[in-house]
Amino acid sequence: MIEIKNLKKIFNGTPVLKDVNASVHEGEVISVIGSSGTGKSTLLRCLNLLEAPDGGEILFKGQNILDRKTNIRAIREKVGMVFQGFNLFHHLTSAENLMLGPVNLLGSSRGEAYEKALSLLNMVGLAEKAAAYPSELSGGQKQRVAIARALAMEPDVILFDEPTSALDPTMVDEVLAIMRRLAKQGMTMIVVTHEMRFAREASSRIFYMDEGIIYEEGPPKQIFESPRREKTRSFVLKLKSFHAEIAGETFDFYGLDGKIAEFGYKQGLAAKQISLIQLAVEELILGIIMPALGGEIPVSLSIHYKEDTDEAEVIASAQTNEDDILEMGKEFSLDILKGLFSSVSSYRQDKTLFIKVVVIFK
């Protein structure tokens, strides 16, 4: 359906897309992943000409959309776009947002467009919100309306640009559920995302972008379990790790809990599993290390999730000459750690003491 050949894009003299080559077939779900600034969103915006490429070709169903003779409006009607910022018209109701394109661009009557809008809103679970304005919707509901609006144009492919990045973590799943449903129905989708659980579960292929190119592509199992190239391996490893620096007892532990939960959700962990990690961190830091060190020595926290064994390693480290911190902390905290978790151990590397708790979920 889409062929990308030697695509280039330069911003202020800096190449963002250097030489992008790819094919997307009908019915595929392509997840585009990579670090910030690697050109993921720019690639999407070039595909429907929200950004004008500086070189190369984009073929949509065999037609070069960069040809000056191409009817860009007709192409955009078949290439839907869902933005991270929703881009709904605030003065229009949900139904009216959906009706706008079919009436003005497809020539549908208002009656036909309204009936279609109600059907699509029902499909995304928002039939009762047809008369609601965007200000009356949650972030997740706004994004579901935006997806329904894209579908109202009956596109051949939908481009999703970080569709969940502006959402509260509690609203992410409702949007991803709609996208999974579209994938099962055979909708061709190209999704720039940081939701690796979705990328792994719903994608036909993964494009990992780096150096202004599609650095590596392949099925999800290959990319996430056995990537072939060095930078892909490094990126995947970082996805499964969480790090925080704890300055002392005044550190915001409530905020830390929230970040740990966000990390856990991205790994596809259940709420009970995330709670176990949070408990291990709380007892290790607040119950063992802080009392033993007086709460003044900075502590480094790392959490590593191992998908193959379904376990998490919680590692806290601090520079100290003490070796028996486990025994110096609160006794009941040590009892909790040893009672709930399979392994609690300490080891030293030069002047740094490490304490590791292994949380097994199976």
Protein backbone atom coordinates (compact mmCIF):
# COMPACT_ATOMS: atom_id res chain seq x y z
CA MET A 1 0.00 0.00 0.00
CA ILE A 2 2.78 2.45 0.93
CA GLU A 3 6.34 2.51 -0.41
CA ILE A 4 8.89 4.91 1.07
CA LYS A 5 12.05 5.39 -0.96
CA ASN A 6 15.12 7.41 0.11
CA LEU A 7 12.97 9.84 2.11
CA LYS A 8 14.78 12.90 3.46
CA LYS A 9 13.75 15.82 5.65
CA ILE A 10 15.95 18.68 6.88
CA PHE A 11 15.08 21.22 9.59
CA ASN A 12 17.26 24.34 9.88
CA GLY A 13 20.14 22.60 8.18
CA THR A 14 19.89 19.49 10.39
CA PRO A 15 18.92 16.20 8.69
CA VAL A 16 16.07 14.58 10.64
CA LEU A 17 15.23 11.92 8.07
CA LYS A 18 18.36 10.92 6.18
CA ASP A 19 17.43 7.97 4.00
CA VAL A 20 14.22 6.24 5.05
CA ASN A 21 13.14 3.19 3.08
CA ALA A 22 10.16 1.00 3.98
CA SER A 23 7.08 -0.81 2.72
CA VAL A 24 3.71 -1.05 4.44
CA HIS A 25 1.24 -3.65 3.23
CA GLU A 26 -2.54 -3.60 3.48
CA GLY A 27 -3.80 -4.82 6.85
CA GLU A 28 -0.45 -4.38 8.62
CA VAL A 29 -0.03 -2.66 11.96
CA ILE A 30 3.39 -1.00 12.07
CA SER A 31 4.63 0.38 15.39
CA VAL A 32 7.38 2.99 15.07
CA ILE A 33 9.57 3.15 18.18
CA GLY A 34 12.79 4.86 19.18
CA SER A 35 14.21 7.59 21.38
CA SER A 36 13.00 11.19 21.20
CA GLY A 37 14.37 13.18 18.28
CA THR A 38 14.91 10.23 15.93
CA GLY A 39 12.35 11.41 13.36
CA LYS A 40 9.36 9.20 14.21
CA SER A 41 6.70 11.93 14.17
CA THR A 42 8.37 13.67 11.25
CA LEU A 43 8.06 10.46 9.25
CA LEU A 44 4.30 10.32 9.90
CA ARG A 45 3.82 13.98 9.05
CA CYS A 46 5.64 13.45 5.77
CA LEU A 47 3.37 10.53 4.89
CA ASN A 48 0.32 12.82 4.67
CA LEU A 49 2.32 15.90 3.67
CA LEU A 50 1.85 17.90 6.85
CA GLU A 51 5.61 18.25 6.34
CA ALA A 52 7.07 18.55 2.86
CA PRO A 53 9.97 16.09 2.38
CA ASP A 54 13.25 17.39 1.00
CA GLY A 55 13.94 14.31 -1.08
CA GLY A 56 12.85 10.81 -1.95
CA GLU A 57 9.50 9.29 -2.91
CA ILE A 58 6.31 8.25 -1.09
CA LEU A 59 4.13 5.93 -3.14
CA PHE A 60 0.54 5.44 -2.00
CA LYS A 61 -1.08 2.62 -3.94
CA GLY A 62 1.51 3.16 -6.66
CA GLN A 63 1.04 6.93 -6.90
CA ASN A 64 3.89 9.25 -5.95
CA ILE A 65 2.20 11.69 -3.58
CA LEU A 66 5.15 14.08 -3.90
CA ASP A 67 4.37 14.62 -7.58
CA ARG A 68 3.05 18.15 -8.09
CA LYS A 69 0.15 16.78 -10.13
CA THR A 70 -1.10 14.70 -7.21
CA ASN A 71 -4.43 15.70 -5.64
CA ILE A 72 -3.23 16.09 -2.05
CA ARG A 73 -6.74 16.49 -0.66
CA ALA A 74 -7.81 13.19 -2.17
CA ILE A 75 -4.76 11.48 -0.64
CA ARG A 76 -5.48 12.93 2.80
CA GLU A 77 -9.04 11.64 2.62
CA LYS A 78 -7.62 8.12 2.45
CA VAL A 79 -4.78 8.65 4.96
CA GLY A 80 -6.31 9.39 8.35
CA MET A 81 -4.36 10.98 11.18
CA VAL A 82 -4.78 10.83 14.96
CA PHE A 83 -2.69 13.36 16.88
CA GLN A 84 -1.42 13.25 20.45
CA GLY A 85 -3.21 16.54 21.18
CA PHE A 86 -6.66 15.33 19.94
CA ASN A 87 -7.17 18.41 17.66
CA LEU A 88 -10.94 18.40 18.14
CA PHE A 89 -12.96 21.55 17.37
CA HIS A 90 -13.99 22.83 20.79
CA HIS A 91 -17.09 24.65 19.55
CA LEU A 92 -18.51 21.44 18.04
CA THR A 93 -20.08 18.45 19.77
CA SER A 94 -18.56 14.97 19.43
CA ALA A 95 -21.03 14.09 16.68
CA GLU A 96 -20.43 17.38 14.85
CA ASN A 97 -16.66 16.81 14.95
CA LEU A 98 -17.26 13.50 13.18
CA MET A 99 -19.71 14.96 10.67
CA LEU A 100 -17.49 17.80 9.49
CA GLY A 101 -15.27 15.79 7.12
CA PRO A 102 -17.93 13.61 5.49
CA VAL A 103 -20.21 16.62 4.86
CA ASN A 104 -17.57 19.06 3.60
CA LEU A 105 -15.22 16.67 1.81
CA LEU A 106 -17.14 13.52 0.92
CA GLY A 107 -20.43 15.19 0.00
CA SER A 108 -22.50 13.29 2.55
CA SER A 109 -25.84 14.74 3.64
CA ARG A 110 -26.04 15.90 7.25
CA GLY A 111 -28.51 13.11 7.98
CA GLU A 112 -26.18 10.44 6.60
CA ALA A 113 -23.18 11.94 8.37
CA TYR A 114 -25.07 12.08 11.68
CA GLU A 115 -26.12 8.44 11.48
CA LYS A 116 -22.53 7.42 10.68
CA ALA A 117 -21.25 9.57 13.55
CA LEU A 118 -23.60 7.87 16.03
CA SER A 119 -22.53 4.43 14.76
CA LEU A 120 -18.83 5.23 15.12
CA LEU A 121 -19.27 6.82 18.55
CA ASN A 122 -21.09 3.67 19.61
CA MET A 123 -18.18 1.60 18.29
CA VAL A 124 -15.73 3.50 20.52
CA GLY A 125 -18.08 3.30 23.51
CA LEU A 126 -19.20 6.92 23.47
CA ALA A 127 -22.71 6.89 22.03
CA GLU A 128 -24.01 8.76 25.09
CA LYS A 129 -21.45 11.54 24.47
CA ALA A 130 -22.71 12.47 20.99
CA ALA A 131 -24.00 15.86 22.19
CA ALA A 132 -21.05 16.52 24.54
CA TYR A 133 -18.44 19.16 23.77
CA PRO A 134 -14.70 18.36 24.09
CA SER A 135 -14.50 20.37 27.33
CA GLU A 136 -16.95 17.89 28.84
CA LEU A 137 -14.83 14.83 27.96
CA SER A 138 -11.86 13.20 29.66
CA GLY A 139 -8.58 12.92 27.79
CA GLY A 140 -9.23 9.29 26.94
CA GLN A 141 -12.72 10.11 25.66
CA LYS A 142 -11.37 12.95 23.51
CA GLN A 143 -8.88 10.59 21.90
CA ARG A 144 -11.57 8.00 21.24
CA VAL A 145 -13.64 10.70 19.54
CA ALA A 146 -10.56 11.65 17.50
CA ILE A 147 -10.16 8.02 16.38
CA ALA A 148 -13.85 7.86 15.43
CA ARG A 149 -13.42 11.12 13.49
CA ALA A 150 -10.57 9.59 11.48
CA LEU A 151 -12.72 6.52 10.77
CA ALA A 152 -15.60 8.72 9.56
CA MET A 153 -13.58 9.51 6.43
CA GLU A 154 -13.33 5.77 5.61
CA PRO A 155 -9.53 5.88 5.25
CA ASP A 156 -7.36 3.13 3.83
CA VAL A 157 -4.70 3.72 6.49
CA ILE A 158 -4.60 5.62 9.79
CA LEU A 159 -1.47 7.28 11.15
CA PHE A 160 -1.27 7.56 14.96
CA ASP A 161 1.22 10.05 16.39
CA GLU A 162 1.82 9.13 20.07
CA PRO A 163 -1.94 8.76 20.64
CA THR A 164 -1.60 8.10 24.40
CA SER A 165 1.27 10.42 25.36
CA ALA A 166 -1.02 13.25 26.54
CA LEU A 167 -3.18 10.94 28.64
CA ASP A 168 -3.22 10.11 32.32
CA PRO A 169 -1.96 6.50 32.75
CA THR A 170 -5.44 5.43 33.88
CA MET A 171 -6.89 6.46 30.50
CA VAL A 172 -4.30 4.83 28.26
CA ASP A 173 -5.91 1.38 28.18
CA GLU A 174 -9.27 2.63 26.89
CA VAL A 175 -7.58 4.14 23.83
CA LEU A 176 -5.30 1.14 23.23
CA ALA A 177 -8.34 -1.17 23.42
CA ILE A 178 -9.94 0.68 20.49
CA MET A 179 -6.69 0.48 18.52
CA ARG A 180 -6.41 -3.26 19.19
CA ARG A 181 -9.96 -3.69 17.93
CA LEU A 182 -9.13 -1.84 14.72
CA ALA A 183 -6.04 -4.02 14.28
CA LYS A 184 -8.14 -7.18 14.58
CA GLN A 185 -10.57 -5.78 12.01
CA GLY A 186 -7.72 -5.42 9.51
CA MET A 187 -7.26 -1.65 9.52
CA THR A 188 -3.86 -0.64 8.19
CA MET A 189 -2.16 1.44 10.87
CA ILE A 190 1.21 3.11 11.39
CA VAL A 191 1.62 3.97 15.06
CA VAL A 192 4.36 6.10 16.60
CA THR A 193 4.20 4.95 20.20
CA HIS A 194 6.01 4.63 23.50
CA GLU A 195 3.50 1.98 24.64
CA MET A 196 5.68 -1.08 24.19
CA ARG A 197 3.01 -3.47 25.40
CA PHE A 198 0.77 -2.38 22.52
CA ALA A 199 3.69 -2.49 20.08
CA ARG A 200 4.49 -6.04 21.10
CA GLU A 201 0.95 -7.40 21.22
CA ALA A 202 -0.78 -5.67 18.30
CA SER A 203 1.92 -5.03 15.70
CA SER A 204 2.71 -6.98 12.55
CA ARG A 205 6.15 -5.36 12.42
CA ILE A 206 8.23 -2.90 14.40
CA PHE A 207 10.26 -0.06 12.91
CA TYR A 208 13.02 1.04 15.28
CA MET A 209 14.28 4.47 14.23
CA ASP A 210 17.72 5.90 14.94
CA GLU A 211 20.30 7.95 13.03
CA GLY A 212 17.53 9.39 10.83
CA ILE A 213 16.71 6.01 9.31
CA ILE A 214 14.73 2.88 10.08
CA TYR A 215 17.69 1.36 11.89
CA GLU A 216 16.10 -2.08 12.33
CA GLU A 217 12.75 -3.61 11.49
CA GLY A 218 11.19 -6.97 12.17
CA PRO A 219 8.40 -8.81 13.95
CA PRO A 220 7.83 -7.84 17.60
CA LYS A 221 9.38 -11.04 18.95
CA GLN A 222 12.64 -10.35 17.13
CA ILE A 223 12.87 -6.68 18.07
CA PHE A 224 12.00 -7.12 21.74
CA GLU A 225 13.68 -10.47 22.44
CA SER A 226 16.58 -10.81 20.03
CA PRO A 227 17.35 -7.53 18.25
CA ARG A 228 20.18 -7.88 15.74
CA ARG A 229 21.77 -4.44 15.97
CA GLU A 230 23.58 -2.77 18.86
CA LYS A 231 21.48 0.38 19.27
CA THR A 232 18.26 -1.61 19.14
CA ARG A 233 19.55 -3.89 21.89
CA SER A 234 20.50 -0.89 24.01
CA PHE A 235 17.08 0.72 23.52
CA VAL A 236 15.18 -2.44 24.42
CA LEU A 237 17.31 -2.95 27.52
CA LYS A 238 16.52 0.59 28.74
CA LEU A 239 12.81 -0.04 28.24
CA LYS A 240 12.92 -2.75 30.87
CA SER A 241 14.78 -0.66 33.45
CA PHE A 242 13.79 2.13 35.82
CA HIS A 243 16.18 4.44 37.67
CA ALA A 244 15.76 7.07 40.36
CA GLU A 245 18.06 9.05 42.64
CA ILE A 246 16.81 9.50 46.20
CA ALA A 247 18.44 12.47 47.90
CA GLY A 248 17.19 11.81 51.43
CA GLU A 249 14.16 11.53 53.68
CA THR A 250 12.56 14.64 52.12
CA PHE A 251 12.41 12.90 48.72
CA ASP A 252 8.93 12.71 47.15
CA PHE A 253 8.15 9.01 47.68
CA TYR A 254 4.54 9.46 46.58
CA GLY A 255 5.78 10.73 43.25
CA LEU A 256 8.20 7.82 43.09
CA ASP A 257 5.32 5.38 43.60
CA GLY A 258 3.54 6.93 40.62
CA LYS A 259 6.59 6.63 38.39
CA ILE A 260 7.07 2.99 39.40
CA ALA A 261 3.42 2.33 38.55
CA GLU A 262 3.86 3.98 35.13
CA PHE A 263 6.94 1.82 34.50
CA GLY A 264 5.04 -1.31 35.53
CA TYR A 265 2.08 -0.56 33.26
CA LYS A 266 4.44 -0.15 30.31
CA GLN A 267 5.80 -3.62 31.04
CA GLY A 268 2.28 -5.03 30.99
CA LEU A 269 2.29 -5.82 34.71
CA ALA A 270 -0.92 -6.20 36.68
CA ALA A 271 -1.78 -3.87 39.56
CA LYS A 272 -0.92 -6.56 42.15
CA GLN A 273 2.50 -7.08 40.58
CA ILE A 274 3.20 -3.33 40.59
CA SER A 275 2.14 -3.17 44.24
CA LEU A 276 4.70 -5.86 45.10
CA ILE A 277 7.48 -3.80 43.50
CA GLN A 278 6.31 -0.67 45.31
CA LEU A 279 6.25 -2.59 48.61
CA ALA A 280 9.78 -3.91 48.04
CA VAL A 281 11.02 -0.36 47.32
CA GLU A 282 9.24 1.11 50.35
CA GLU A 283 10.55 -1.44 52.84
CA LEU A 284 14.04 -1.44 51.32
CA ILE A 285 14.46 2.35 51.25
CA LEU A 286 12.31 3.60 54.13
CA GLY A 287 12.57 0.56 56.36
CA ILE A 288 16.17 -0.56 55.87
CA ILE A 289 18.49 1.94 54.22
CA MET A 290 17.24 5.29 55.52
CA PRO A 291 17.20 4.23 59.21
CA ALA A 292 20.63 2.60 58.87
CA LEU A 293 22.28 5.56 57.13
CA GLY A 294 20.42 8.34 58.89
CA GLY A 295 18.58 9.51 55.80
CA GLU A 296 21.40 11.77 54.66
CA ILE A 297 23.35 9.64 52.17
CA PRO A 298 21.96 9.65 48.60
CA VAL A 299 20.56 6.32 47.44
CA SER A 300 20.37 5.09 43.83
CA LEU A 301 17.38 2.91 42.96
CA SER A 302 17.17 0.61 39.93
CA ILE A 303 14.36 -1.72 38.91
CA HIS A 304 14.94 -4.26 36.14
CA TYR A 305 12.07 -6.32 34.72
CA LYS A 306 12.99 -9.71 33.25
CA GLU A 307 10.23 -10.83 30.95
CA ASP A 308 11.67 -14.30 30.29
CA THR A 309 11.54 -15.26 33.98
CA ASP A 310 8.68 -12.90 34.90
CA GLU A 311 10.52 -11.28 37.77
CA ALA A 312 11.81 -7.88 38.84
CA GLU A 313 15.08 -7.00 40.50
CA VAL A 314 14.92 -4.05 42.89
CA ILE A 315 18.43 -2.77 43.60
CA ALA A 316 19.33 0.06 45.96
CA SER A 317 22.91 1.29 46.28
CA ALA A 318 24.74 3.85 48.40
CA GLN A 319 28.31 4.79 49.17
CA THR A 320 28.95 3.62 52.73
CA ASN A 321 31.47 1.66 54.74
CA GLU A 322 28.70 -0.25 56.52
CA ASP A 323 28.28 -3.86 55.44
CA ASP A 324 25.46 -5.02 57.72
CA ILE A 325 22.77 -2.52 56.69
CA LEU A 326 20.16 -5.27 56.42
CA GLU A 327 20.53 -5.93 60.15
CA MET A 328 20.72 -2.22 61.05
CA GLY A 329 17.34 -1.30 59.57
CA LYS A 330 13.91 -1.89 61.02
CA GLU A 331 13.45 -5.54 61.98
CA PHE A 332 9.88 -5.79 60.73
CA SER A 333 10.91 -4.37 57.31
CA LEU A 334 13.52 -7.09 56.97
CA ASP A 335 10.93 -9.68 58.02
CA ILE A 336 8.56 -8.39 55.32
CA LEU A 337 11.25 -8.51 52.64
CA LYS A 338 12.41 -12.00 53.56
CA GLY A 339 8.86 -13.25 54.00
CA LEU A 340 7.43 -12.00 50.70
CA PHE A 341 10.36 -12.10 48.31
CA SER A 342 12.47 -15.01 47.17
CA SER A 343 15.85 -13.36 47.54
CA VAL A 344 17.21 -10.50 49.64
CA SER A 345 20.97 -10.03 49.47
CA SER A 346 23.74 -7.43 49.67
CA TYR A 347 27.10 -7.13 47.97
CA ARG A 348 29.85 -4.54 47.63
CA GLN A 349 31.68 -3.02 44.68
CA ASP A 350 34.54 -0.80 45.90
CA LYS A 351 32.95 1.87 48.13
CA THR A 352 29.38 1.19 47.03
CA LEU A 353 27.06 -1.20 48.86
CA PHE A 354 24.22 -2.80 46.88
CA ILE A 355 21.10 -4.45 48.31
CA LYS A 356 19.01 -6.53 45.91
CA VAL A 357 15.48 -7.83 46.30
CA VAL A 358 14.15 -10.27 43.69
CA VAL A 359 10.37 -10.08 43.12
CA ILE A 360 9.08 -13.21 41.37
CA PHE A 361 5.56 -12.96 39.94
CA LYS A 362 4.94 -16.57 38.90
